[in-house]
């Protein structure tokens, strides 16, 4: 059974919790057991326990974000020791990009990151797809370790060694903790204020997404004229013309559409103000995160799909541009 160590900033604890859910099958198959610092018992020496677990780990996940890079402990201690063990072939280090940040120049920048193409989890249209991709990549490593197959050449080991600051050696006590579940995440409660703030942020994202996409579409196509209109704080509309003829129009309105206060309404009528719609994105939440859910009207979207802000914006944009495609 492979021992898995999570190195992460507490700002990203929600992402760690969600990833652990997606690793449940690996745990059920008894292929991995995981550890993170929330398992440290009161009264224990934090540094000693973390160092012990780092040194026992077969796989070390670096949960990368701006918060991780800004954390002296994560960056200078946990990451440095992890990369030293990776260089020596004692453990496998996998960077997991949680939120967009300038991570390529970091000492682990030469390692292949997850999810696919190093695209940050927070930017995937569907969060579950991002976590599932990480889980699949991790399974490949775990199954290789289980078979005792030698690791493929890592490449860049000398560069990693030269760029990483190795943590100072310590005498590490053993048997500091008893075996215990890592499934300790508790249900999070989201208030109306939280949902309203998420709706406001999501609408702002959709508005910026549409505006930037229209500008780029116009740049790439000389026969296309894109007109974007800021109606008010809660409404914008968009129109596309080809050779001077209007091909498609829409309006997007946040809140108060007669169906749900916590929703973003899309209509193919540029003058609509939430009184009619062809699609709607509502704010929903599970035990850990808030997300967007489509009504699945004209878009064909899956009502059960948990959409990020980018995923919701892409769904509405896909409806809008389809008539040009």
C-alpha atoms as a PDB file:
ATOM      1  CA  UNK A   1       0.000   0.000   0.000  1.00  0.00           C
ATOM      2  CA  UNK A   2       1.409   3.383  -1.020  1.00  0.00           C
ATOM      3  CA  UNK A   3       1.603   6.133   1.582  1.00  0.00           C
ATOM      4  CA  UNK A   4       0.320   9.469   0.257  1.00  0.00           C
ATOM      5  CA  UNK A   5       1.292  12.844   1.750  1.00  0.00           C
ATOM      6  CA  UNK A   6      -0.630  16.068   1.065  1.00  0.00           C
ATOM      7  CA  UNK A   7       1.486  19.236   1.120  1.00  0.00           C
ATOM      8  CA  UNK A   8      -0.908  22.188   0.907  1.00  0.00           C
ATOM      9  CA  UNK A   9      -1.794  25.627   2.196  1.00  0.00           C
ATOM     10  CA  UNK A  10      -4.772  25.748   4.540  1.00  0.00           C
ATOM     11  CA  UNK A  11      -6.275  28.304   2.131  1.00  0.00           C
ATOM     12  CA  UNK A  12      -6.740  25.330  -0.208  1.00  0.00           C
ATOM     13  CA  UNK A  13      -8.179  22.890   2.320  1.00  0.00           C
ATOM     14  CA  UNK A  14     -11.482  22.648   0.458  1.00  0.00           C
ATOM     15  CA  UNK A  15      -9.639  21.464  -2.666  1.00  0.00           C
ATOM     16  CA  UNK A  16      -7.772  18.851  -0.638  1.00  0.00           C
ATOM     17  CA  UNK A  17     -11.042  17.607   0.861  1.00  0.00           C
ATOM     18  CA  UNK A  18     -12.623  17.268  -2.582  1.00  0.00           C
ATOM     19  CA  UNK A  19      -9.601  15.476  -4.026  1.00  0.00           C
ATOM     20  CA  UNK A  20      -9.648  12.987  -1.154  1.00  0.00           C
ATOM     21  CA  UNK A  21     -13.225  12.065  -2.076  1.00  0.00           C
ATOM     22  CA  UNK A  22     -12.080  11.242  -5.592  1.00  0.00           C
ATOM     23  CA  UNK A  23      -9.325   9.019  -4.195  1.00  0.00           C
ATOM     24  CA  UNK A  24     -11.889   6.873  -2.353  1.00  0.00           C
ATOM     25  CA  UNK A  25     -11.649   4.011  -4.860  1.00  0.00           C
ATOM     26  CA  UNK A  26      -7.879   3.814  -4.446  1.00  0.00           C
ATOM     27  CA  UNK A  27      -8.428   3.672  -0.683  1.00  0.00           C
ATOM     28  CA  UNK A  28     -11.185   1.073  -0.983  1.00  0.00           C
ATOM     29  CA  UNK A  29      -8.846  -1.083  -3.074  1.00  0.00           C
ATOM     30  CA  UNK A  30      -6.232  -0.662  -0.326  1.00  0.00           C
ATOM     31  CA  UNK A  31      -3.786   0.816  -2.813  1.00  0.00           C
ATOM     32  CA  UNK A  32      -3.155   4.001  -0.813  1.00  0.00           C
ATOM     33  CA  UNK A  33      -3.411   5.453   2.636  1.00  0.00           C
ATOM     34  CA  UNK A  34      -3.257   9.239   2.894  1.00  0.00           C
ATOM     35  CA  UNK A  35      -1.987  11.704   5.466  1.00  0.00           C
ATOM     36  CA  UNK A  36      -2.192  15.453   5.970  1.00  0.00           C
ATOM     37  CA  UNK A  37      -1.498  17.804   8.852  1.00  0.00           C
ATOM     38  CA  UNK A  38      -5.091  17.827  10.143  1.00  0.00           C
ATOM     39  CA  UNK A  39      -4.307  14.402  11.565  1.00  0.00           C
ATOM     40  CA  UNK A  40      -1.719  15.782  13.973  1.00  0.00           C
ATOM     41  CA  UNK A  41      -2.829  15.257  17.573  1.00  0.00           C
ATOM     42  CA  UNK A  42      -2.908  18.025  20.147  1.00  0.00           C
ATOM     43  CA  UNK A  43       0.341  18.221  22.097  1.00  0.00           C
ATOM     44  CA  UNK A  44       2.449  16.698  19.310  1.00  0.00           C
ATOM     45  CA  UNK A  45       5.506  18.415  17.882  1.00  0.00           C
ATOM     46  CA  UNK A  46       4.149  19.669  14.555  1.00  0.00           C
ATOM     47  CA  UNK A  47       7.511  19.858  12.778  1.00  0.00           C
ATOM     48  CA  UNK A  48       8.561  16.406  13.952  1.00  0.00           C
ATOM     49  CA  UNK A  49       5.308  14.726  12.932  1.00  0.00           C
ATOM     50  CA  UNK A  50       5.277  16.355   9.500  1.00  0.00           C
ATOM     51  CA  UNK A  51       8.919  15.435   8.914  1.00  0.00           C
ATOM     52  CA  UNK A  52       8.209  11.836   9.926  1.00  0.00           C
ATOM     53  CA  UNK A  53       5.265  11.524   7.545  1.00  0.00           C
ATOM     54  CA  UNK A  54       7.188  13.188   4.714  1.00  0.00           C
ATOM     55  CA  UNK A  55      10.006  10.712   5.127  1.00  0.00           C
ATOM     56  CA  UNK A  56       7.602   7.730   5.151  1.00  0.00           C
ATOM     57  CA  UNK A  57       5.601   8.845   2.104  1.00  0.00           C
ATOM     58  CA  UNK A  58       5.829   7.017  -1.218  1.00  0.00           C
ATOM     59  CA  UNK A  59       3.938   9.742  -3.089  1.00  0.00           C
ATOM     60  CA  UNK A  60       3.862  13.434  -2.204  1.00  0.00           C
ATOM     61  CA  UNK A  61       1.189  15.688  -3.686  1.00  0.00           C
ATOM     62  CA  UNK A  62       2.114  19.375  -3.800  1.00  0.00           C
ATOM     63  CA  UNK A  63      -1.187  21.287  -3.931  1.00  0.00           C
ATOM     64  CA  UNK A  64       0.029  24.337  -5.833  1.00  0.00           C
ATOM     65  CA  UNK A  65      -1.477  27.816  -5.586  1.00  0.00           C
ATOM     66  CA  UNK A  66      -0.289  31.342  -4.846  1.00  0.00           C
ATOM     67  CA  UNK A  67      -0.933  30.562  -1.177  1.00  0.00           C
ATOM     68  CA  UNK A  68       1.325  27.499  -1.354  1.00  0.00           C
ATOM     69  CA  UNK A  69       4.122  29.475  -3.026  1.00  0.00           C
ATOM     70  CA  UNK A  70       3.752  32.258  -0.444  1.00  0.00           C
ATOM     71  CA  UNK A  71       3.925  29.856   2.489  1.00  0.00           C
ATOM     72  CA  UNK A  72       7.434  29.662   3.890  1.00  0.00           C
ATOM     73  CA  UNK A  73       6.639  26.313   5.507  1.00  0.00           C
ATOM     74  CA  UNK A  74       5.118  24.692   2.422  1.00  0.00           C
ATOM     75  CA  UNK A  75       7.727  26.063   0.036  1.00  0.00           C
ATOM     76  CA  UNK A  76      10.963  25.994   2.025  1.00  0.00           C
ATOM     77  CA  UNK A  77      10.394  22.958   4.247  1.00  0.00           C
ATOM     78  CA  UNK A  78       7.839  20.501   2.863  1.00  0.00           C
ATOM     79  CA  UNK A  79       8.554  21.091  -0.824  1.00  0.00           C
ATOM     80  CA  UNK A  80      12.323  21.147  -0.366  1.00  0.00           C
ATOM     81  CA  UNK A  81      12.338  17.832   1.489  1.00  0.00           C
ATOM     82  CA  UNK A  82       9.870  16.318  -0.995  1.00  0.00           C
ATOM     83  CA  UNK A  83      12.053  17.234  -3.982  1.00  0.00           C
ATOM     84  CA  UNK A  84      15.158  15.877  -2.251  1.00  0.00           C
ATOM     85  CA  UNK A  85      13.448  12.500  -1.797  1.00  0.00           C
ATOM     86  CA  UNK A  86      12.190  12.647  -5.404  1.00  0.00           C
ATOM     87  CA  UNK A  87      15.719  13.291  -6.668  1.00  0.00           C
ATOM     88  CA  UNK A  88      17.020  10.321  -4.662  1.00  0.00           C
ATOM     89  CA  UNK A  89      14.282   8.060  -6.027  1.00  0.00           C
ATOM     90  CA  UNK A  90      12.795   7.542  -2.567  1.00  0.00           C
ATOM     91  CA  UNK A  91       9.386   9.076  -3.374  1.00  0.00           C
ATOM     92  CA  UNK A  92       7.366  10.406  -6.289  1.00  0.00           C
ATOM     93  CA  UNK A  93       6.432  14.095  -6.230  1.00  0.00           C
ATOM     94  CA  UNK A  94       3.340  15.161  -8.189  1.00  0.00           C
ATOM     95  CA  UNK A  95       2.487  18.868  -8.425  1.00  0.00           C
ATOM     96  CA  UNK A  96      -1.305  19.331  -8.451  1.00  0.00           C
ATOM     97  CA  UNK A  97      -2.182  22.812  -9.725  1.00  0.00           C
ATOM     98  CA  UNK A  98      -5.066  24.016  -7.595  1.00  0.00           C
ATOM     99  CA  UNK A  99      -5.367  27.681  -8.548  1.00  0.00           C
ATOM    100  CA  UNK A 100      -3.656  29.704 -11.306  1.00  0.00           C
ATOM    101  CA  UNK A 101      -0.264  31.027 -10.269  1.00  0.00           C
ATOM    102  CA  UNK A 102       3.260  31.547 -11.623  1.00  0.00           C
ATOM    103  CA  UNK A 103       4.509  28.031 -10.799  1.00  0.00           C
ATOM    104  CA  UNK A 104       6.652  27.127 -13.833  1.00  0.00           C
ATOM    105  CA  UNK A 105       9.881  28.778 -12.523  1.00  0.00           C
ATOM    106  CA  UNK A 106       9.561  26.942  -9.189  1.00  0.00           C
ATOM    107  CA  UNK A 107      11.950  24.066  -8.331  1.00  0.00           C
ATOM    108  CA  UNK A 108       9.241  21.538  -9.243  1.00  0.00           C
ATOM    109  CA  UNK A 109       8.517  23.297 -12.544  1.00  0.00           C
ATOM    110  CA  UNK A 110      10.218  20.593 -14.612  1.00  0.00           C
ATOM    111  CA  UNK A 111       7.894  17.878 -13.249  1.00  0.00           C
ATOM    112  CA  UNK A 112       4.740  16.886 -15.129  1.00  0.00           C
ATOM    113  CA  UNK A 113       1.829  18.422 -13.241  1.00  0.00           C
ATOM    114  CA  UNK A 114      -1.773  17.337 -12.797  1.00  0.00           C
ATOM    115  CA  UNK A 115      -4.522  17.862 -13.842  1.00  0.00           C
ATOM    116  CA  UNK A 116      -3.967  17.418 -17.580  1.00  0.00           C
ATOM    117  CA  UNK A 117      -1.762  20.112 -19.170  1.00  0.00           C
ATOM    118  CA  UNK A 118      -1.217  21.689 -15.752  1.00  0.00           C
ATOM    119  CA  UNK A 119      -4.591  23.455 -15.966  1.00  0.00           C
ATOM    120  CA  UNK A 120      -5.569  24.628 -12.490  1.00  0.00           C
ATOM    121  CA  UNK A 121      -8.482  22.754 -10.904  1.00  0.00           C
ATOM    122  CA  UNK A 122     -10.329  26.005 -10.167  1.00  0.00           C
ATOM    123  CA  UNK A 123     -10.471  26.868 -13.893  1.00  0.00           C
ATOM    124  CA  UNK A 124     -11.998  23.605 -15.161  1.00  0.00           C
ATOM    125  CA  UNK A 125     -15.596  23.929 -16.357  1.00  0.00           C
ATOM    126  CA  UNK A 126     -16.487  20.817 -14.353  1.00  0.00           C
ATOM    127  CA  UNK A 127     -14.724  20.405 -11.003  1.00  0.00           C
ATOM    128  CA  UNK A 128     -15.378  16.661 -10.842  1.00  0.00           C
ATOM    129  CA  UNK A 129     -13.619  16.138 -14.183  1.00  0.00           C
ATOM    130  CA  UNK A 130     -10.534  17.910 -12.851  1.00  0.00           C
ATOM    131  CA  UNK A 131     -10.383  15.833  -9.664  1.00  0.00           C
ATOM    132  CA  UNK A 132     -11.081  12.634 -11.609  1.00  0.00           C
ATOM    133  CA  UNK A 133      -8.192  13.447 -13.948  1.00  0.00           C
ATOM    134  CA  UNK A 134      -5.833  13.850 -10.975  1.00  0.00           C
ATOM    135  CA  UNK A 135      -7.103  10.563  -9.527  1.00  0.00           C
ATOM    136  CA  UNK A 136      -6.478   8.725 -12.808  1.00  0.00           C
ATOM    137  CA  UNK A 137      -2.936  10.060 -13.080  1.00  0.00           C
ATOM    138  CA  UNK A 138      -2.279   9.145  -9.463  1.00  0.00           C
ATOM    139  CA  UNK A 139      -3.646   5.621 -10.055  1.00  0.00           C
ATOM    140  CA  UNK A 140      -1.057   5.088 -12.804  1.00  0.00           C
ATOM    141  CA  UNK A 141       1.746   5.931 -10.375  1.00  0.00           C
ATOM    142  CA  UNK A 142       0.250   3.866  -7.543  1.00  0.00           C
ATOM    143  CA  UNK A 143      -0.204   0.780  -9.720  1.00  0.00           C
ATOM    144  CA  UNK A 144       3.370   1.073 -10.983  1.00  0.00           C
ATOM    145  CA  UNK A 145       4.655   1.235  -7.407  1.00  0.00           C
ATOM    146  CA  UNK A 146       2.494  -1.743  -6.430  1.00  0.00           C
ATOM    147  CA  UNK A 147       4.118  -3.816  -9.198  1.00  0.00           C
ATOM    148  CA  UNK A 148       7.570  -2.736  -8.136  1.00  0.00           C
ATOM    149  CA  UNK A 149       8.224  -1.288 -11.590  1.00  0.00           C
ATOM    150  CA  UNK A 150      11.151   1.149 -11.635  1.00  0.00           C
ATOM    151  CA  UNK A 151      10.221   4.792 -12.040  1.00  0.00           C
ATOM    152  CA  UNK A 152      10.641   6.269 -15.526  1.00  0.00           C
ATOM    153  CA  UNK A 153      13.474   8.778 -15.917  1.00  0.00           C
ATOM    154  CA  UNK A 154      12.367  11.958 -14.176  1.00  0.00           C
ATOM    155  CA  UNK A 155      14.518  14.365 -16.135  1.00  0.00           C
ATOM    156  CA  UNK A 156      15.691  17.619 -14.636  1.00  0.00           C
ATOM    157  CA  UNK A 157      16.839  15.941 -11.404  1.00  0.00           C
ATOM    158  CA  UNK A 158      20.069  17.912 -11.291  1.00  0.00           C
ATOM    159  CA  UNK A 159      18.163  21.113 -11.942  1.00  0.00           C
ATOM    160  CA  UNK A 160      15.679  20.255  -9.194  1.00  0.00           C
ATOM    161  CA  UNK A 161      18.496  19.509  -6.792  1.00  0.00           C
ATOM    162  CA  UNK A 162      20.220  22.771  -7.603  1.00  0.00           C
ATOM    163  CA  UNK A 163      17.104  24.887  -7.242  1.00  0.00           C
ATOM    164  CA  UNK A 164      15.550  23.299  -4.150  1.00  0.00           C
ATOM    165  CA  UNK A 165      16.644  24.264  -0.660  1.00  0.00           C
ATOM    166  CA  UNK A 166      17.015  21.025   1.259  1.00  0.00           C
ATOM    167  CA  UNK A 167      15.505  21.007   4.739  1.00  0.00           C
ATOM    168  CA  UNK A 168      17.973  20.567   7.582  1.00  0.00           C
ATOM    169  CA  UNK A 169      18.227  17.025   8.938  1.00  0.00           C
ATOM    170  CA  UNK A 170      16.564  16.293  12.264  1.00  0.00           C
ATOM    171  CA  UNK A 171      16.369  13.432  14.686  1.00  0.00           C
ATOM    172  CA  UNK A 172      12.786  12.346  14.163  1.00  0.00           C
ATOM    173  CA  UNK A 173      10.901  10.502  16.899  1.00  0.00           C
ATOM    174  CA  UNK A 174       8.670   7.629  15.826  1.00  0.00           C
ATOM    175  CA  UNK A 175       5.244   6.331  16.846  1.00  0.00           C
ATOM    176  CA  UNK A 176       3.905   9.814  17.496  1.00  0.00           C
ATOM    177  CA  UNK A 177       0.423   9.120  16.180  1.00  0.00           C
ATOM    178  CA  UNK A 178      -2.012   6.234  16.090  1.00  0.00           C
ATOM    179  CA  UNK A 179      -3.646   5.115  12.806  1.00  0.00           C
ATOM    180  CA  UNK A 180      -6.658   7.281  12.157  1.00  0.00           C
ATOM    181  CA  UNK A 181      -9.008   8.152   9.277  1.00  0.00           C
ATOM    182  CA  UNK A 182      -8.179  11.077   7.009  1.00  0.00           C
ATOM    183  CA  UNK A 183     -11.903  11.462   6.294  1.00  0.00           C
ATOM    184  CA  UNK A 184     -12.435  14.268   8.783  1.00  0.00           C
ATOM    185  CA  UNK A 185     -13.926  16.957   6.550  1.00  0.00           C
ATOM    186  CA  UNK A 186     -17.100  18.438   8.050  1.00  0.00           C
ATOM    187  CA  UNK A 187     -20.140  19.795   6.268  1.00  0.00           C
ATOM    188  CA  UNK A 188     -19.840  23.464   5.386  1.00  0.00           C
ATOM    189  CA  UNK A 189     -22.872  25.709   5.685  1.00  0.00           C
ATOM    190  CA  UNK A 190     -23.410  28.472   3.092  1.00  0.00           C
ATOM    191  CA  UNK A 191     -25.576  31.434   4.068  1.00  0.00           C
ATOM    192  CA  UNK A 192     -27.769  33.555   1.814  1.00  0.00           C
ATOM    193  CA  UNK A 193     -25.020  36.172   1.968  1.00  0.00           C
ATOM    194  CA  UNK A 194     -22.476  33.623   0.715  1.00  0.00           C
ATOM    195  CA  UNK A 195     -24.752  32.607  -2.164  1.00  0.00           C
ATOM    196  CA  UNK A 196     -25.521  36.193  -3.120  1.00  0.00           C
ATOM    197  CA  UNK A 197     -21.799  36.995  -3.180  1.00  0.00           C
ATOM    198  CA  UNK A 198     -21.097  33.927  -5.318  1.00  0.00           C
ATOM    199  CA  UNK A 199     -23.889  34.914  -7.714  1.00  0.00           C
ATOM    200  CA  UNK A 200     -22.468  38.438  -8.017  1.00  0.00           C
ATOM    201  CA  UNK A 201     -18.946  37.110  -8.659  1.00  0.00           C
ATOM    202  CA  UNK A 202     -20.247  34.578 -11.175  1.00  0.00           C
ATOM    203  CA  UNK A 203     -22.216  37.173 -13.124  1.00  0.00           C
ATOM    204  CA  UNK A 204     -19.165  39.448 -13.203  1.00  0.00           C
ATOM    205  CA  UNK A 205     -17.111  36.547 -14.555  1.00  0.00           C
ATOM    206  CA  UNK A 206     -19.700  35.739 -17.258  1.00  0.00           C
ATOM    207  CA  UNK A 207     -19.816  39.402 -18.310  1.00  0.00           C
ATOM    208  CA  UNK A 208     -16.023  39.643 -18.624  1.00  0.00           C
ATOM    209  CA  UNK A 209     -15.927  36.265 -20.392  1.00  0.00           C
ATOM    210  CA  UNK A 210     -18.452  37.386 -23.018  1.00  0.00           C
ATOM    211  CA  UNK A 211     -16.810  40.767 -23.577  1.00  0.00           C
ATOM    212  CA  UNK A 212     -13.319  39.309 -24.033  1.00  0.00           C
ATOM    213  CA  UNK A 213     -14.596  36.487 -26.253  1.00  0.00           C
ATOM    214  CA  UNK A 214     -16.474  38.920 -28.499  1.00  0.00           C
ATOM    215  CA  UNK A 215     -13.432  41.163 -28.837  1.00  0.00           C
ATOM    216  CA  UNK A 216     -11.267  38.194 -29.827  1.00  0.00           C
ATOM    217  CA  UNK A 217     -13.909  36.871 -32.242  1.00  0.00           C
ATOM    218  CA  UNK A 218     -14.017  40.242 -33.988  1.00  0.00           C
ATOM    219  CA  UNK A 219     -10.216  40.376 -34.252  1.00  0.00           C
ATOM    220  CA  UNK A 220     -10.076  36.972 -35.908  1.00  0.00           C
ATOM    221  CA  UNK A 221     -12.929  37.529 -38.376  1.00  0.00           C
ATOM    222  CA  UNK A 222     -12.991  40.677 -40.499  1.00  0.00           C
ATOM    223  CA  UNK A 223     -16.607  40.086 -41.562  1.00  0.00           C
ATOM    224  CA  UNK A 224     -17.859  39.927 -37.952  1.00  0.00           C
ATOM    225  CA  UNK A 225     -18.919  42.943 -35.921  1.00  0.00           C
ATOM    226  CA  UNK A 226     -19.461  42.351 -32.201  1.00  0.00           C
ATOM    227  CA  UNK A 227     -21.508  44.780 -30.112  1.00  0.00           C
ATOM    228  CA  UNK A 228     -21.405  44.414 -26.333  1.00  0.00           C
ATOM    229  CA  UNK A 229     -23.704  46.518 -24.164  1.00  0.00           C
ATOM    230  CA  UNK A 230     -23.497  47.230 -20.430  1.00  0.00           C
ATOM    231  CA  UNK A 231     -27.147  47.856 -19.524  1.00  0.00           C
ATOM    232  CA  UNK A 232     -26.819  48.093 -15.737  1.00  0.00           C
ATOM    233  CA  UNK A 233     -25.022  46.380 -12.864  1.00  0.00           C
ATOM    234  CA  UNK A 234     -27.124  43.244 -13.338  1.00  0.00           C
ATOM    235  CA  UNK A 235     -27.618  43.089 -17.097  1.00  0.00           C
ATOM    236  CA  UNK A 236     -25.619  43.088 -20.325  1.00  0.00           C
ATOM    237  CA  UNK A 237     -26.511  42.244 -23.896  1.00  0.00           C
ATOM    238  CA  UNK A 238     -24.530  41.099 -26.906  1.00  0.00           C
ATOM    239  CA  UNK A 239     -25.072  41.135 -30.673  1.00  0.00           C
ATOM    240  CA  UNK A 240     -23.078  39.617 -33.544  1.00  0.00           C
ATOM    241  CA  UNK A 241     -23.329  40.904 -37.114  1.00  0.00           C
ATOM    242  CA  UNK A 242     -21.958  39.192 -40.203  1.00  0.00           C
ATOM    243  CA  UNK A 243     -21.492  41.394 -43.268  1.00  0.00           C
ATOM    244  CA  UNK A 244     -23.695  43.933 -41.491  1.00  0.00           C
ATOM    245  CA  UNK A 245     -26.567  41.517 -40.888  1.00  0.00           C
ATOM    246  CA  UNK A 246     -27.474  40.626 -37.324  1.00  0.00           C
ATOM    247  CA  UNK A 247     -26.999  36.881 -36.817  1.00  0.00           C
ATOM    248  CA  UNK A 248     -27.602  36.481 -33.097  1.00  0.00           C
ATOM    249  CA  UNK A 249     -28.377  38.543 -30.020  1.00  0.00           C
ATOM    250  CA  UNK A 250     -28.791  37.807 -26.347  1.00  0.00           C
ATOM    251  CA  UNK A 251     -29.135  39.337 -22.932  1.00  0.00           C
ATOM    252  CA  UNK A 252     -27.791  38.008 -19.642  1.00  0.00           C
ATOM    253  CA  UNK A 253     -29.397  39.105 -16.386  1.00  0.00           C
ATOM    254  CA  UNK A 254     -28.484  38.348 -12.782  1.00  0.00           C
ATOM    255  CA  UNK A 255     -31.164  37.729 -10.138  1.00  0.00           C
ATOM    256  CA  UNK A 256     -34.868  38.464  -9.907  1.00  0.00           C
ATOM    257  CA  UNK A 257     -35.957  36.610 -13.034  1.00  0.00           C
ATOM    258  CA  UNK A 258     -39.191  35.331 -11.554  1.00  0.00           C
ATOM    259  CA  UNK A 259     -37.896  31.768 -11.203  1.00  0.00           C
ATOM    260  CA  UNK A 260     -35.064  32.034  -8.709  1.00  0.00           C
ATOM    261  CA  UNK A 261     -33.402  34.914  -6.909  1.00  0.00           C
ATOM    262  CA  UNK A 262     -30.048  33.141  -7.035  1.00  0.00           C
ATOM    263  CA  UNK A 263     -29.694  32.682 -10.787  1.00  0.00           C
ATOM    264  CA  UNK A 264     -28.285  34.078 -14.029  1.00  0.00           C
ATOM    265  CA  UNK A 265     -30.815  34.164 -16.872  1.00  0.00           C
ATOM    266  CA  UNK A 266     -29.839  33.935 -20.566  1.00  0.00           C
ATOM    267  CA  UNK A 267     -32.267  34.998 -23.300  1.00  0.00           C
ATOM    268  CA  UNK A 268     -31.965  35.217 -27.099  1.00  0.00           C
ATOM    269  CA  UNK A 269     -33.843  38.517 -26.789  1.00  0.00           C
ATOM    270  CA  UNK A 270     -31.389  41.403 -26.305  1.00  0.00           C
ATOM    271  CA  UNK A 271     -34.105  43.478 -24.635  1.00  0.00           C
ATOM    272  CA  UNK A 272     -35.054  40.855 -22.043  1.00  0.00           C
ATOM    273  CA  UNK A 273     -34.410  41.811 -18.437  1.00  0.00           C
ATOM    274  CA  UNK A 274     -35.010  38.498 -16.729  1.00  0.00           C
ATOM    275  CA  UNK A 275     -38.703  38.358 -17.637  1.00  0.00           C
ATOM    276  CA  UNK A 276     -37.978  35.645 -20.239  1.00  0.00           C
ATOM    277  CA  UNK A 277     -35.140  33.189 -20.643  1.00  0.00           C
ATOM    278  CA  UNK A 278     -33.811  30.301 -22.700  1.00  0.00           C
ATOM    279  CA  UNK A 279     -31.389  29.051 -20.070  1.00  0.00           C
ATOM    280  CA  UNK A 280     -30.619  29.723 -16.445  1.00  0.00           C
ATOM    281  CA  UNK A 281     -27.680  29.102 -14.127  1.00  0.00           C
ATOM    282  CA  UNK A 282     -28.626  28.759 -10.479  1.00  0.00           C
ATOM    283  CA  UNK A 283     -26.375  28.825  -7.432  1.00  0.00           C
ATOM    284  CA  UNK A 284     -26.185  25.520  -5.587  1.00  0.00           C
ATOM    285  CA  UNK A 285     -23.905  23.951  -3.001  1.00  0.00           C
ATOM    286  CA  UNK A 286     -22.843  20.583  -1.701  1.00  0.00           C
ATOM    287  CA  UNK A 287     -21.211  19.915   1.651  1.00  0.00           C
ATOM    288  CA  UNK A 288     -17.977  21.649   0.622  1.00  0.00           C
ATOM    289  CA  UNK A 289     -18.328  24.098  -2.290  1.00  0.00           C
ATOM    290  CA  UNK A 290     -20.735  26.390  -4.111  1.00  0.00           C
ATOM    291  CA  UNK A 291     -21.185  25.925  -7.837  1.00  0.00           C
ATOM    292  CA  UNK A 292     -23.484  26.716 -10.775  1.00  0.00           C
ATOM    293  CA  UNK A 293     -26.150  24.367 -12.090  1.00  0.00           C
ATOM    294  CA  UNK A 294     -27.894  24.764 -15.463  1.00  0.00           C
ATOM    295  CA  UNK A 295     -31.615  24.250 -16.002  1.00  0.00           C
ATOM    296  CA  UNK A 296     -30.755  22.302 -19.157  1.00  0.00           C
ATOM    297  CA  UNK A 297     -33.404  24.012 -21.268  1.00  0.00           C
ATOM    298  CA  UNK A 298     -32.067  24.904 -24.736  1.00  0.00           C
ATOM    299  CA  UNK A 299     -28.410  24.243 -23.947  1.00  0.00           C
ATOM    300  CA  UNK A 300     -28.786  20.516 -23.415  1.00  0.00           C
ATOM    301  CA  UNK A 301     -26.763  20.924 -20.232  1.00  0.00           C
ATOM    302  CA  UNK A 302     -26.787  18.251 -17.548  1.00  0.00           C
ATOM    303  CA  UNK A 303     -28.785  19.536 -14.581  1.00  0.00           C
ATOM    304  CA  UNK A 304     -26.691  17.385 -12.258  1.00  0.00           C
ATOM    305  CA  UNK A 305     -23.384  18.820 -13.442  1.00  0.00           C
ATOM    306  CA  UNK A 306     -21.466  21.028 -11.003  1.00  0.00           C
ATOM    307  CA  UNK A 307     -20.220  23.946 -13.076  1.00  0.00           C
ATOM    308  CA  UNK A 308     -17.451  26.344 -12.145  1.00  0.00           C
ATOM    309  CA  UNK A 309     -17.809  29.989 -13.128  1.00  0.00           C
ATOM    310  CA  UNK A 310     -15.845  29.265 -16.295  1.00  0.00           C
ATOM    311  CA  UNK A 311     -18.002  26.241 -17.007  1.00  0.00           C
ATOM    312  CA  UNK A 312     -21.191  28.284 -16.673  1.00  0.00           C
ATOM    313  CA  UNK A 313     -19.841  31.070 -18.882  1.00  0.00           C
ATOM    314  CA  UNK A 314     -18.743  28.541 -21.519  1.00  0.00           C
ATOM    315  CA  UNK A 315     -22.202  26.950 -21.536  1.00  0.00           C
ATOM    316  CA  UNK A 316     -23.936  30.281 -22.225  1.00  0.00           C
ATOM    317  CA  UNK A 317     -21.302  31.341 -24.774  1.00  0.00           C
ATOM    318  CA  UNK A 318     -21.753  28.038 -26.593  1.00  0.00           C
ATOM    319  CA  UNK A 319     -25.492  28.761 -26.969  1.00  0.00           C
ATOM    320  CA  UNK A 320     -24.764  32.284 -28.200  1.00  0.00           C
ATOM    321  CA  UNK A 321     -22.129  31.461 -30.825  1.00  0.00           C
ATOM    322  CA  UNK A 322     -23.779  28.269 -32.088  1.00  0.00           C
ATOM    323  CA  UNK A 323     -25.816  30.189 -34.649  1.00  0.00           C
ATOM    324  CA  UNK A 324     -22.596  31.426 -36.243  1.00  0.00           C
ATOM    325  CA  UNK A 325     -21.070  27.980 -36.350  1.00  0.00           C
END
